[in-house]
Every structure is written in C-alpha cells, then in structure tokens.
C-alpha cells in the first residue's frame, strides 16, 4: 500500500476514534446527570462503574461524580470516605481550589469541626486578591456554623436588599442560624421561612 494512502487512512481512523470518544463522553455525562436528577442511583452506579465509563474519564472525575451521588443519597459515610480519597489526589491548583471549597462546605454542613478547620486553614493560605471573597465567606461560615457565633446578624441583614433568589435565601439561612445560636427561636423561624420562600434549602453539601 502506498505510504501516503496508509497515512491518510490511519489519520481518518484516528479522527474517528477521537470523535467517537468525545461524543461518548458527552452522552455518558448526560446520562449520569439525568440519573442523579431522577434519583436513579442504581442506574447511576452501574453506568459509572462500567469499563467504558472508566476508559472515558480519569479516576478523579469518576470519584467526583460518585461523591455528588453519595451526597444526594445522603450517604454521608460513603461521601466522606470518597472526599478523603479525592483530597489525596495530586491536582492542579484550580482543581484543588474547587475541591477544597466543596470539602469545606461539606464538613461545615456536617458540623465536622476538625476537618472544616483544616480546609479553612488551607483557604486562608491561598495567595491573591481573587481569593479574598472565598476567605471572607469561609470565615463567616465557620464562625456561624462551627463556632456558633451570632455577631454577624447586622452585617448579613444589611446585604439582604442587595441580593435576590437563592443567594438571598442563603443569607437568610445564615441569619436564622445565628438567631438560633442566640436562642431567639422566633426570629430563627421567621428567617428559616424566608429562606425557604427564596428557594434555599440547607443540606450537608
């Protein structure tokens, strides 16, 4: 066979293989996402553990998918086990940032003080002005949810008129928790109701 023809055929085969992989990744991701949205966990885990799925995605992505599934199932034992494994992966900086923020929120939501503090310390060590909002939010969450403080009520109430939707609901939830910390149950219930009306529902993730 002519060398040029052979090279051309091999190039076509390679392009087809790359295209197939890209299409299969998209369709597999869509199926996984839909299974989670429909709470079809058996189907999700069957697909995520399939050899083809493991060939399409790196181990980190597979386990990150599983972490989200365990959180949605409220299987926190498996979620924490998977999260600890993910935190041991060697990651690029931005991947590590995303994972640490997720881990911090999970640990705070579960009231795990030691683990949350470890993630908070890492967040506070990030260099760059772009991380200032994350540091502020993390310190706020740690104060309210872990240390059970109530000294941020005025600060958060002042922000309510500047926000809307689930973001406003999140602020209202943090205000409610502070009123609970301060033993003001009436105000706590008022803000919990407002948070729910604005579409915010607290979970460990």
N, C-alpha and C. Protein backbone atom coordinates (compact mmCIF):
# COMPACT_ATOMS: atom_id res chain seq x y z
N UNK A 1 0.85 -1.20 0.00
CA UNK A 1 0.00 0.00 0.00
C UNK A 1 0.88 1.24 0.00
N UNK A 2 0.50 2.21 -0.79
CA UNK A 2 1.23 3.47 -0.86
C UNK A 2 1.30 4.12 0.52
N UNK A 3 2.50 4.64 0.87
CA UNK A 3 2.70 5.22 2.20
C UNK A 3 1.74 6.37 2.47
N UNK A 4 1.52 7.21 1.48
CA UNK A 4 0.61 8.35 1.66
C UNK A 4 -0.82 7.89 1.92
N UNK A 5 -1.23 6.86 1.17
CA UNK A 5 -2.58 6.34 1.36
C UNK A 5 -2.73 5.74 2.75
N UNK A 6 -1.71 4.99 3.18
CA UNK A 6 -1.74 4.37 4.51
C UNK A 6 -1.81 5.44 5.60
N UNK A 7 -1.02 6.50 5.43
CA UNK A 7 -1.02 7.59 6.41
C UNK A 7 -2.38 8.27 6.45
N UNK A 8 -2.97 8.47 5.27
CA UNK A 8 -4.29 9.10 5.19
C UNK A 8 -5.34 8.25 5.89
N UNK A 9 -5.31 6.94 5.65
CA UNK A 9 -6.28 6.04 6.27
C UNK A 9 -6.12 6.03 7.79
N UNK A 10 -4.88 5.97 8.24
CA UNK A 10 -4.62 5.99 9.69
C UNK A 10 -5.11 7.30 10.31
N UNK A 11 -4.92 8.40 9.58
CA UNK A 11 -5.39 9.70 10.09
C UNK A 11 -6.90 9.72 10.22
N UNK A 12 -7.59 9.16 9.22
CA UNK A 12 -9.05 9.10 9.26
C UNK A 12 -9.52 8.25 10.44
N UNK A 13 -8.85 7.11 10.64
CA UNK A 13 -9.21 6.23 11.76
C UNK A 13 -9.02 6.95 13.09
N UNK A 14 -7.90 7.67 13.21
CA UNK A 14 -7.61 8.40 14.45
C UNK A 14 -8.65 9.47 14.70
N UNK A 15 -9.02 10.20 13.66
CA UNK A 15 -10.05 11.25 13.80
C UNK A 15 -11.37 10.64 14.23
N UNK A 16 -11.72 9.50 13.65
CA UNK A 16 -12.97 8.82 14.00
C UNK A 16 -12.96 8.38 15.46
N UNK A 17 -11.81 7.86 15.90
CA UNK A 17 -11.69 7.41 17.29
C UNK A 17 -11.84 8.58 18.26
N UNK A 18 -11.19 9.70 17.92
CA UNK A 18 -11.27 10.89 18.78
C UNK A 18 -12.70 11.42 18.82
N UNK A 19 -13.34 11.44 17.66
CA UNK A 19 -14.73 11.92 17.59
C UNK A 19 -15.66 11.02 18.38
N UNK A 20 -15.45 9.71 18.25
CA UNK A 20 -16.28 8.75 18.99
C UNK A 20 -16.13 8.96 20.49
N UNK A 21 -14.88 9.13 20.93
CA UNK A 21 -14.64 9.32 22.37
C UNK A 21 -15.31 10.60 22.87
N UNK A 22 -15.20 11.68 22.10
CA UNK A 22 -15.80 12.95 22.51
C UNK A 22 -17.31 12.84 22.60
N UNK A 23 -17.91 12.20 21.60
CA UNK A 23 -19.37 12.04 21.59
C UNK A 23 -19.81 11.15 22.75
N UNK A 24 -19.07 10.05 22.96
CA UNK A 24 -19.42 9.11 24.02
C UNK A 24 -19.29 9.77 25.39
N UNK A 25 -18.28 10.62 25.57
CA UNK A 25 -18.13 11.33 26.84
C UNK A 25 -19.33 12.23 27.11
N UNK A 26 -19.77 12.95 26.08
CA UNK A 26 -20.91 13.85 26.24
C UNK A 26 -22.19 13.08 26.57
N UNK A 27 -22.43 12.01 25.83
CA UNK A 27 -23.67 11.25 26.07
C UNK A 27 -23.64 10.54 27.42
N UNK A 28 -22.47 10.05 27.82
CA UNK A 28 -22.36 9.39 29.13
C UNK A 28 -22.57 10.38 30.26
N UNK A 29 -21.97 11.57 30.12
CA UNK A 29 -22.15 12.60 31.14
C UNK A 29 -23.62 12.99 31.27
N UNK A 30 -24.29 13.13 30.12
CA UNK A 30 -25.71 13.49 30.14
C UNK A 30 -26.53 12.41 30.85
N UNK A 31 -26.23 11.15 30.58
CA UNK A 31 -26.95 10.06 31.23
C UNK A 31 -26.71 10.07 32.74
N UNK A 32 -25.45 10.25 33.14
CA UNK A 32 -25.12 10.28 34.57
C UNK A 32 -25.86 11.42 35.27
N UNK A 33 -25.84 12.58 34.64
CA UNK A 33 -26.52 13.75 35.22
C UNK A 33 -28.02 13.51 35.34
N UNK A 34 -28.61 12.91 34.31
CA UNK A 34 -30.05 12.64 34.33
C UNK A 34 -30.42 11.60 35.39
N UNK A 35 -29.57 10.59 35.55
CA UNK A 35 -29.83 9.58 36.58
C UNK A 35 -29.85 10.23 37.97
N UNK A 36 -28.91 11.13 38.21
CA UNK A 36 -28.87 11.81 39.51
C UNK A 36 -30.09 12.71 39.69
N UNK A 37 -30.46 13.42 38.64
CA UNK A 37 -31.62 14.31 38.72
C UNK A 37 -32.90 13.54 39.02
N UNK A 38 -32.97 12.31 38.52
CA UNK A 38 -34.16 11.48 38.74
C UNK A 38 -34.03 10.56 39.96
N UNK A 39 -32.90 10.69 40.66
CA UNK A 39 -32.61 9.86 41.84
C UNK A 39 -32.60 8.36 41.49
N UNK A 40 -32.12 8.06 40.29
CA UNK A 40 -31.98 6.66 39.85
C UNK A 40 -30.55 6.21 40.17
N UNK A 41 -30.29 5.97 41.44
CA UNK A 41 -28.93 5.73 41.89
C UNK A 41 -28.37 4.39 41.44
N UNK A 42 -29.20 3.36 41.37
CA UNK A 42 -28.71 2.06 40.91
C UNK A 42 -28.21 2.16 39.47
N UNK A 43 -28.98 2.83 38.63
CA UNK A 43 -28.58 3.02 37.24
C UNK A 43 -27.32 3.88 37.14
N UNK A 44 -27.25 4.90 38.00
CA UNK A 44 -26.07 5.77 38.01
C UNK A 44 -24.81 4.98 38.32
N UNK A 45 -24.83 4.20 39.40
CA UNK A 45 -23.62 3.49 39.81
C UNK A 45 -23.27 2.36 38.83
N UNK A 46 -24.27 1.78 38.20
CA UNK A 46 -24.00 0.76 37.18
C UNK A 46 -23.25 1.38 36.01
N UNK A 47 -23.68 2.57 35.59
CA UNK A 47 -23.02 3.24 34.47
C UNK A 47 -21.66 3.79 34.86
N UNK A 48 -21.54 4.38 36.03
CA UNK A 48 -20.27 4.99 36.44
C UNK A 48 -19.18 3.94 36.65
N UNK A 49 -19.59 2.72 37.01
CA UNK A 49 -18.62 1.64 37.23
C UNK A 49 -18.36 0.80 35.98
N UNK A 50 -19.03 1.13 34.89
CA UNK A 50 -18.84 0.38 33.64
C UNK A 50 -17.43 0.59 33.09
N UNK A 51 -16.82 -0.44 32.50
CA UNK A 51 -15.47 -0.31 31.95
C UNK A 51 -15.33 0.84 30.95
N UNK A 52 -16.35 1.04 30.09
CA UNK A 52 -16.26 2.11 29.10
C UNK A 52 -16.21 3.48 29.77
N UNK A 53 -17.02 3.68 30.81
CA UNK A 53 -17.01 4.96 31.52
C UNK A 53 -15.64 5.21 32.15
N UNK A 54 -15.05 4.16 32.72
CA UNK A 54 -13.73 4.30 33.33
C UNK A 54 -12.65 4.54 32.29
N UNK A 55 -12.89 4.10 31.06
CA UNK A 55 -11.94 4.38 29.98
C UNK A 55 -12.08 5.81 29.48
N UNK A 56 -13.27 6.37 29.61
CA UNK A 56 -13.54 7.72 29.10
C UNK A 56 -13.07 8.81 30.04
N UNK A 57 -13.16 8.56 31.35
CA UNK A 57 -12.90 9.60 32.34
C UNK A 57 -11.75 9.21 33.26
N UNK A 58 -10.95 10.18 33.72
CA UNK A 58 -9.91 9.91 34.72
C UNK A 58 -10.53 9.46 36.05
N UNK A 59 -9.73 8.77 36.86
CA UNK A 59 -10.21 8.28 38.16
C UNK A 59 -10.78 9.41 39.01
N UNK A 60 -10.12 10.56 38.99
CA UNK A 60 -10.58 11.69 39.82
C UNK A 60 -12.00 12.09 39.45
N UNK A 61 -12.27 12.20 38.16
CA UNK A 61 -13.61 12.59 37.71
C UNK A 61 -14.66 11.55 38.09
N UNK A 62 -14.30 10.27 37.96
CA UNK A 62 -15.21 9.19 38.34
C UNK A 62 -15.58 9.31 39.81
N UNK A 63 -14.58 9.49 40.65
CA UNK A 63 -14.84 9.57 42.09
C UNK A 63 -15.53 10.87 42.49
N UNK A 64 -15.30 11.93 41.73
CA UNK A 64 -16.01 13.19 42.00
C UNK A 64 -17.49 13.03 41.67
N UNK A 65 -17.79 12.35 40.56
CA UNK A 65 -19.18 12.00 40.23
C UNK A 65 -19.81 11.24 41.39
N UNK A 66 -19.07 10.24 41.88
CA UNK A 66 -19.60 9.39 42.96
C UNK A 66 -19.85 10.21 44.23
N UNK A 67 -18.95 11.14 44.53
CA UNK A 67 -19.13 11.99 45.70
C UNK A 67 -20.47 12.71 45.64
N UNK A 68 -20.76 13.30 44.49
CA UNK A 68 -22.03 14.02 44.34
C UNK A 68 -23.23 13.08 44.50
N UNK A 69 -23.10 11.87 44.00
CA UNK A 69 -24.19 10.90 44.13
C UNK A 69 -24.41 10.52 45.59
N UNK A 70 -23.32 10.27 46.32
CA UNK A 70 -23.45 9.91 47.74
C UNK A 70 -24.07 11.06 48.55
N UNK A 71 -23.71 12.28 48.20
CA UNK A 71 -24.29 13.43 48.90
C UNK A 71 -25.78 13.54 48.63
N UNK A 72 -26.17 13.34 47.38
CA UNK A 72 -27.59 13.40 47.04
C UNK A 72 -28.37 12.27 47.71
N UNK A 73 -27.73 11.12 47.85
CA UNK A 73 -28.35 9.97 48.53
C UNK A 73 -28.37 10.15 50.05
N UNK A 74 -27.62 11.15 50.52
CA UNK A 74 -27.41 11.39 51.94
C UNK A 74 -26.71 10.20 52.60
N UNK A 75 -25.83 9.57 51.83
CA UNK A 75 -24.97 8.51 52.36
C UNK A 75 -23.65 9.18 52.75
N UNK A 76 -23.65 9.80 53.92
CA UNK A 76 -22.52 10.64 54.30
C UNK A 76 -21.28 9.84 54.67
N UNK A 77 -21.45 8.60 55.09
CA UNK A 77 -20.28 7.76 55.38
C UNK A 77 -19.48 7.52 54.09
N UNK A 78 -20.18 7.14 53.02
CA UNK A 78 -19.51 6.92 51.74
C UNK A 78 -19.01 8.25 51.16
N UNK A 79 -19.79 9.30 51.34
CA UNK A 79 -19.38 10.61 50.82
C UNK A 79 -18.08 11.07 51.47
N UNK A 80 -17.99 10.93 52.78
CA UNK A 80 -16.78 11.37 53.49
C UNK A 80 -15.58 10.51 53.12
N UNK A 81 -15.81 9.22 52.95
CA UNK A 81 -14.73 8.32 52.53
C UNK A 81 -14.21 8.71 51.15
N UNK A 82 -15.13 9.00 50.24
CA UNK A 82 -14.75 9.40 48.88
C UNK A 82 -14.07 10.76 48.88
N UNK A 83 -14.58 11.68 49.70
CA UNK A 83 -13.99 13.01 49.78
C UNK A 83 -12.55 12.95 50.29
N UNK A 84 -12.32 12.14 51.32
CA UNK A 84 -10.96 11.99 51.85
C UNK A 84 -10.01 11.44 50.79
N UNK A 85 -10.51 10.52 49.97
CA UNK A 85 -9.70 9.97 48.89
C UNK A 85 -9.39 11.05 47.85
N UNK A 86 -10.40 11.84 47.48
CA UNK A 86 -10.20 12.91 46.49
C UNK A 86 -9.17 13.93 46.97
N UNK A 87 -9.19 14.23 48.25
CA UNK A 87 -8.26 15.22 48.80
C UNK A 87 -6.81 14.75 48.76
N UNK A 88 -6.60 13.46 48.55
CA UNK A 88 -5.23 12.92 48.47
C UNK A 88 -4.69 12.93 47.04
N UNK A 89 -5.55 13.24 46.07
CA UNK A 89 -5.09 13.27 44.68
C UNK A 89 -4.15 14.44 44.44
N UNK A 90 -3.09 14.24 43.64
CA UNK A 90 -2.27 15.38 43.20
C UNK A 90 -3.03 16.14 42.11
N UNK A 91 -3.39 17.38 42.37
CA UNK A 91 -4.25 18.14 41.46
C UNK A 91 -3.59 19.44 41.02
N UNK A 92 -4.06 19.95 39.89
CA UNK A 92 -3.69 21.30 39.50
C UNK A 92 -4.32 22.27 40.50
N UNK A 93 -3.74 23.47 40.56
CA UNK A 93 -4.15 24.42 41.60
C UNK A 93 -5.65 24.70 41.58
N UNK A 94 -6.21 25.00 40.40
CA UNK A 94 -7.63 25.36 40.34
C UNK A 94 -8.52 24.19 40.71
N UNK A 95 -8.12 22.98 40.32
CA UNK A 95 -8.87 21.80 40.73
C UNK A 95 -8.86 21.65 42.25
N UNK A 96 -7.69 21.89 42.83
CA UNK A 96 -7.56 21.81 44.29
C UNK A 96 -8.43 22.86 44.97
N UNK A 97 -8.44 24.06 44.43
CA UNK A 97 -9.27 25.14 44.99
C UNK A 97 -10.74 24.72 44.99
N UNK A 98 -11.22 24.23 43.86
CA UNK A 98 -12.63 23.82 43.76
C UNK A 98 -12.96 22.71 44.75
N UNK A 99 -12.05 21.74 44.87
CA UNK A 99 -12.29 20.60 45.77
C UNK A 99 -12.27 21.04 47.23
N UNK A 100 -11.32 21.88 47.60
CA UNK A 100 -11.22 22.33 48.99
C UNK A 100 -12.45 23.14 49.39
N UNK A 101 -12.93 24.00 48.50
CA UNK A 101 -14.15 24.76 48.80
C UNK A 101 -15.34 23.82 48.99
N UNK A 102 -15.44 22.81 48.15
CA UNK A 102 -16.53 21.84 48.28
C UNK A 102 -16.39 21.06 49.59
N UNK A 103 -15.16 20.63 49.88
CA UNK A 103 -14.91 19.87 51.11
C UNK A 103 -15.24 20.72 52.34
N UNK A 104 -14.84 21.99 52.31
CA UNK A 104 -15.12 22.88 53.44
C UNK A 104 -16.62 22.97 53.68
N UNK A 105 -17.39 23.18 52.62
CA UNK A 105 -18.85 23.31 52.77
C UNK A 105 -19.48 22.01 53.27
N UNK A 106 -18.97 20.88 52.81
CA UNK A 106 -19.48 19.59 53.27
C UNK A 106 -19.21 19.41 54.76
N UNK A 107 -17.97 19.67 55.16
CA UNK A 107 -17.60 19.49 56.57
C UNK A 107 -18.34 20.46 57.48
N UNK A 108 -18.50 21.69 57.02
CA UNK A 108 -19.26 22.67 57.81
C UNK A 108 -20.71 22.22 57.94
N UNK A 109 -21.29 21.77 56.83
CA UNK A 109 -22.68 21.31 56.85
C UNK A 109 -22.90 20.14 57.78
N UNK A 110 -21.87 19.31 57.96
CA UNK A 110 -21.97 18.15 58.84
C UNK A 110 -21.50 18.46 60.26
N UNK A 111 -21.03 19.69 60.47
CA UNK A 111 -20.55 20.07 61.80
C UNK A 111 -19.24 19.42 62.19
N UNK A 112 -18.42 19.04 61.22
CA UNK A 112 -17.14 18.39 61.49
C UNK A 112 -16.07 19.47 61.69
N UNK A 113 -15.85 19.82 62.93
CA UNK A 113 -15.01 20.97 63.27
C UNK A 113 -13.56 20.79 62.83
N UNK A 114 -12.96 19.66 63.14
CA UNK A 114 -11.55 19.46 62.83
C UNK A 114 -11.29 19.49 61.33
N UNK A 115 -12.12 18.77 60.58
CA UNK A 115 -11.94 18.73 59.13
C UNK A 115 -12.22 20.09 58.49
N UNK A 116 -13.26 20.78 58.98
CA UNK A 116 -13.58 22.11 58.45
C UNK A 116 -12.44 23.08 58.72
N UNK A 117 -11.84 22.99 59.91
CA UNK A 117 -10.73 23.89 60.26
C UNK A 117 -9.53 23.63 59.36
N UNK A 118 -9.28 22.38 59.04
CA UNK A 118 -8.17 22.04 58.15
C UNK A 118 -8.37 22.67 56.77
N UNK A 119 -9.59 22.59 56.25
CA UNK A 119 -9.88 23.19 54.95
C UNK A 119 -9.83 24.72 55.04
N UNK A 120 -10.33 25.29 56.14
CA UNK A 120 -10.30 26.74 56.33
C UNK A 120 -8.86 27.24 56.33
N UNK A 121 -7.98 26.55 57.03
CA UNK A 121 -6.58 26.96 57.07
C UNK A 121 -5.96 26.97 55.68
N UNK A 122 -6.32 25.98 54.87
CA UNK A 122 -5.79 25.94 53.50
C UNK A 122 -6.34 27.11 52.68
N UNK A 123 -7.62 27.38 52.83
CA UNK A 123 -8.24 28.51 52.10
C UNK A 123 -7.56 29.82 52.47
N UNK A 124 -7.32 30.02 53.75
CA UNK A 124 -6.71 31.27 54.21
C UNK A 124 -5.27 31.44 53.74
N UNK A 125 -4.64 30.35 53.32
CA UNK A 125 -3.26 30.41 52.83
C UNK A 125 -3.17 30.66 51.33
N UNK A 126 -4.31 30.71 50.65
CA UNK A 126 -4.27 30.99 49.21
C UNK A 126 -3.81 32.43 48.98
N UNK A 127 -2.94 32.62 48.02
CA UNK A 127 -2.41 33.94 47.72
C UNK A 127 -3.12 34.55 46.51
N UNK A 128 -3.44 35.84 46.61
CA UNK A 128 -4.08 36.54 45.50
C UNK A 128 -5.39 37.18 45.92
N UNK A 129 -5.63 38.37 45.38
CA UNK A 129 -6.85 39.11 45.72
C UNK A 129 -8.12 38.39 45.29
N UNK A 130 -8.00 37.54 44.26
CA UNK A 130 -9.20 36.84 43.76
C UNK A 130 -9.78 35.88 44.78
N UNK A 131 -8.97 35.54 45.80
CA UNK A 131 -9.45 34.59 46.82
C UNK A 131 -10.02 35.28 48.06
N UNK A 132 -9.98 36.61 48.09
CA UNK A 132 -10.50 37.32 49.27
C UNK A 132 -11.97 37.03 49.54
N UNK A 133 -12.85 37.02 48.52
CA UNK A 133 -14.26 36.69 48.80
C UNK A 133 -14.44 35.29 49.37
N UNK A 134 -13.65 34.33 48.89
CA UNK A 134 -13.74 32.97 49.40
C UNK A 134 -13.31 32.90 50.86
N UNK A 135 -12.26 33.65 51.18
CA UNK A 135 -11.77 33.68 52.56
C UNK A 135 -12.81 34.28 53.49
N UNK A 136 -13.42 35.38 53.04
CA UNK A 136 -14.45 36.05 53.85
C UNK A 136 -15.63 35.12 54.09
N UNK A 137 -16.11 34.47 53.03
CA UNK A 137 -17.26 33.57 53.15
C UNK A 137 -16.93 32.38 54.04
N UNK A 138 -15.71 31.85 53.90
CA UNK A 138 -15.32 30.69 54.70
C UNK A 138 -15.24 31.04 56.19
N UNK A 139 -14.66 32.19 56.50
CA UNK A 139 -14.58 32.62 57.90
C UNK A 139 -15.97 32.85 58.47
N UNK A 140 -16.85 33.44 57.67
CA UNK A 140 -18.22 33.70 58.09
C UNK A 140 -18.94 32.38 58.39
N UNK A 141 -18.83 31.43 57.46
CA UNK A 141 -19.49 30.13 57.64
C UNK A 141 -18.94 29.41 58.87
N UNK A 142 -17.64 29.47 59.05
CA UNK A 142 -17.01 28.78 60.19
C UNK A 142 -17.46 29.39 61.51
N UNK A 143 -17.49 30.72 61.55
CA UNK A 143 -17.96 31.42 62.76
C UNK A 143 -19.38 31.01 63.13
N UNK A 144 -20.26 31.02 62.13
CA UNK A 144 -21.69 30.81 62.38
C UNK A 144 -22.02 29.34 62.61
N UNK A 145 -21.53 28.48 61.72
CA UNK A 145 -21.94 27.08 61.73
C UNK A 145 -21.13 26.21 62.69
N UNK A 146 -19.86 26.52 62.86
CA UNK A 146 -18.99 25.68 63.70
C UNK A 146 -18.79 26.29 65.08
N UNK A 147 -18.44 27.58 65.13
CA UNK A 147 -18.19 28.23 66.42
C UNK A 147 -19.46 28.73 67.08
N UNK A 148 -20.59 28.66 66.35
CA UNK A 148 -21.92 29.01 66.88
C UNK A 148 -21.99 30.47 67.34
N UNK A 149 -21.38 31.37 66.58
CA UNK A 149 -21.42 32.79 66.91
C UNK A 149 -22.69 33.42 66.33
N UNK A 150 -23.01 34.62 66.85
CA UNK A 150 -24.21 35.33 66.36
C UNK A 150 -23.91 36.81 66.13
N UNK A 151 -22.64 37.13 65.90
CA UNK A 151 -22.24 38.54 65.79
C UNK A 151 -22.23 39.06 64.35
N UNK A 152 -22.76 38.27 63.41
CA UNK A 152 -22.77 38.71 62.02
C UNK A 152 -24.19 39.04 61.53
N UNK A 153 -25.15 39.08 62.45
CA UNK A 153 -26.55 39.29 62.04
C UNK A 153 -26.72 40.63 61.32
N UNK A 154 -26.24 41.70 61.93
CA UNK A 154 -26.38 43.03 61.33
C UNK A 154 -25.72 43.12 59.97
N UNK A 155 -24.53 42.55 59.86
CA UNK A 155 -23.78 42.57 58.59
C UNK A 155 -24.58 41.89 57.47
N UNK A 156 -25.17 40.75 57.78
CA UNK A 156 -25.90 40.00 56.76
C UNK A 156 -27.26 40.61 56.46
N UNK A 157 -27.93 41.12 57.48
CA UNK A 157 -29.23 41.77 57.24
C UNK A 157 -29.07 42.98 56.33
N UNK A 158 -27.94 43.67 56.44
CA UNK A 158 -27.69 44.84 55.60
C UNK A 158 -27.50 44.47 54.13
N UNK A 159 -27.18 43.20 53.87
CA UNK A 159 -26.95 42.75 52.49
C UNK A 159 -28.21 42.23 51.81
N UNK A 160 -29.28 42.02 52.57
CA UNK A 160 -30.47 41.38 52.02
C UNK A 160 -31.08 42.14 50.85
N UNK A 161 -31.13 43.47 50.96
CA UNK A 161 -31.75 44.27 49.89
C UNK A 161 -30.92 44.27 48.61
N UNK A 162 -29.67 43.83 48.70
CA UNK A 162 -28.79 43.82 47.54
C UNK A 162 -28.77 42.47 46.83
N UNK A 163 -29.51 41.51 47.36
CA UNK A 163 -29.49 40.16 46.78
C UNK A 163 -30.91 39.69 46.49
N UNK A 164 -31.01 38.57 45.79
CA UNK A 164 -32.33 38.00 45.48
C UNK A 164 -32.19 36.50 45.27
N UNK A 165 -33.33 35.82 45.21
CA UNK A 165 -33.34 34.39 44.92
C UNK A 165 -32.64 33.56 45.96
N UNK A 166 -31.98 32.49 45.49
CA UNK A 166 -31.33 31.56 46.41
C UNK A 166 -30.16 32.19 47.15
N UNK A 167 -29.52 33.21 46.53
CA UNK A 167 -28.44 33.90 47.23
C UNK A 167 -28.98 34.64 48.45
N UNK A 168 -30.11 35.29 48.28
CA UNK A 168 -30.77 35.96 49.41
C UNK A 168 -31.21 34.91 50.44
N UNK A 169 -31.73 33.79 49.94
CA UNK A 169 -32.14 32.71 50.84
C UNK A 169 -31.00 32.17 51.67
N UNK A 170 -29.83 32.09 51.06
CA UNK A 170 -28.64 31.63 51.80
C UNK A 170 -28.29 32.59 52.93
N UNK A 171 -28.35 33.90 52.65
CA UNK A 171 -28.10 34.89 53.70
C UNK A 171 -29.12 34.75 54.82
N UNK A 172 -30.39 34.57 54.44
CA UNK A 172 -31.45 34.43 55.44
C UNK A 172 -31.25 33.18 56.28
N UNK A 173 -30.75 32.13 55.65
CA UNK A 173 -30.47 30.91 56.42
C UNK A 173 -29.36 31.17 57.45
N UNK A 174 -28.29 31.84 57.04
CA UNK A 174 -27.20 32.14 57.97
C UNK A 174 -27.66 33.06 59.10
N UNK A 175 -28.57 33.96 58.78
CA UNK A 175 -29.15 34.82 59.83
C UNK A 175 -29.97 33.97 60.79
N UNK A 176 -30.76 33.04 60.24
CA UNK A 176 -31.58 32.15 61.07
C UNK A 176 -30.72 31.34 62.02
N UNK A 177 -29.62 30.81 61.52
CA UNK A 177 -28.72 30.01 62.37
C UNK A 177 -28.15 30.86 63.50
N UNK A 178 -27.82 32.11 63.19
CA UNK A 178 -27.29 32.99 64.24
C UNK A 178 -28.34 33.29 65.30
N UNK A 179 -29.59 33.48 64.88
CA UNK A 179 -30.65 33.69 65.87
C UNK A 179 -30.84 32.43 66.72
N UNK A 180 -30.67 31.28 66.11
CA UNK A 180 -30.72 30.04 66.90
C UNK A 180 -29.56 29.99 67.88
N UNK A 181 -28.37 30.38 67.43
CA UNK A 181 -27.21 30.43 68.32
C UNK A 181 -27.46 31.38 69.49
N UNK A 182 -28.22 32.46 69.21
CA UNK A 182 -28.53 33.46 70.24
C UNK A 182 -29.79 33.10 71.04
N UNK A 183 -30.36 31.92 70.77
CA UNK A 183 -31.55 31.41 71.49
C UNK A 183 -32.81 32.24 71.21
N UNK A 184 -32.84 32.91 70.06
CA UNK A 184 -34.03 33.66 69.66
C UNK A 184 -34.79 32.81 68.64
N UNK A 185 -35.62 31.91 69.13
CA UNK A 185 -36.28 30.93 68.27
C UNK A 185 -37.30 31.57 67.33
N UNK A 186 -37.99 32.61 67.82
CA UNK A 186 -38.99 33.28 66.98
C UNK A 186 -38.35 33.87 65.73
N UNK A 187 -37.24 34.58 65.91
CA UNK A 187 -36.55 35.18 64.76
C UNK A 187 -35.92 34.09 63.88
N UNK A 188 -35.45 33.03 64.52
CA UNK A 188 -34.90 31.92 63.73
C UNK A 188 -35.95 31.37 62.77
N UNK A 189 -37.13 31.09 63.30
CA UNK A 189 -38.20 30.53 62.47
C UNK A 189 -38.63 31.49 61.37
N UNK A 190 -38.64 32.77 61.70
CA UNK A 190 -39.01 33.79 60.70
C UNK A 190 -38.04 33.74 59.52
N UNK A 191 -36.75 33.69 59.82
CA UNK A 191 -35.75 33.70 58.75
C UNK A 191 -35.65 32.36 58.03
N UNK A 192 -35.91 31.28 58.72
CA UNK A 192 -35.94 29.98 58.04
C UNK A 192 -37.07 29.94 57.01
N UNK A 193 -38.21 30.50 57.38
CA UNK A 193 -39.35 30.56 56.46
C UNK A 193 -39.01 31.42 55.25
N UNK A 194 -38.38 32.56 55.50
CA UNK A 194 -38.00 33.45 54.40
C UNK A 194 -36.98 32.78 53.48
N UNK A 195 -36.03 32.05 54.08
CA UNK A 195 -35.02 31.36 53.28
C UNK A 195 -35.66 30.33 52.36
N UNK A 196 -36.62 29.58 52.91
CA UNK A 196 -37.32 28.56 52.10
C UNK A 196 -38.12 29.22 50.98
N UNK A 197 -38.76 30.33 51.29
CA UNK A 197 -39.54 31.05 50.27
C UNK A 197 -38.66 31.58 49.14
N UNK A 198 -37.41 31.86 49.47
CA UNK A 198 -36.47 32.34 48.45
C UNK A 198 -35.72 31.20 47.77
N UNK A 199 -36.14 29.97 48.06
CA UNK A 199 -35.60 28.83 47.32
C UNK A 199 -34.34 28.22 47.88
N UNK A 200 -33.99 28.56 49.13
CA UNK A 200 -32.79 27.97 49.73
C UNK A 200 -33.18 26.87 50.69
N UNK A 201 -32.61 25.70 50.48
CA UNK A 201 -32.85 24.56 51.37
C UNK A 201 -31.50 24.01 51.79
N UNK A 202 -31.22 24.05 53.08
CA UNK A 202 -29.91 23.64 53.57
C UNK A 202 -29.72 22.15 53.46
N UNK A 203 -28.49 21.76 53.10
CA UNK A 203 -28.09 20.35 53.13
C UNK A 203 -26.62 20.30 53.48
N UNK A 204 -26.09 19.09 53.68
CA UNK A 204 -24.68 18.94 54.06
C UNK A 204 -23.73 19.12 52.88
N UNK A 205 -24.26 19.40 51.72
CA UNK A 205 -23.40 19.59 50.58
C UNK A 205 -23.70 20.90 49.86
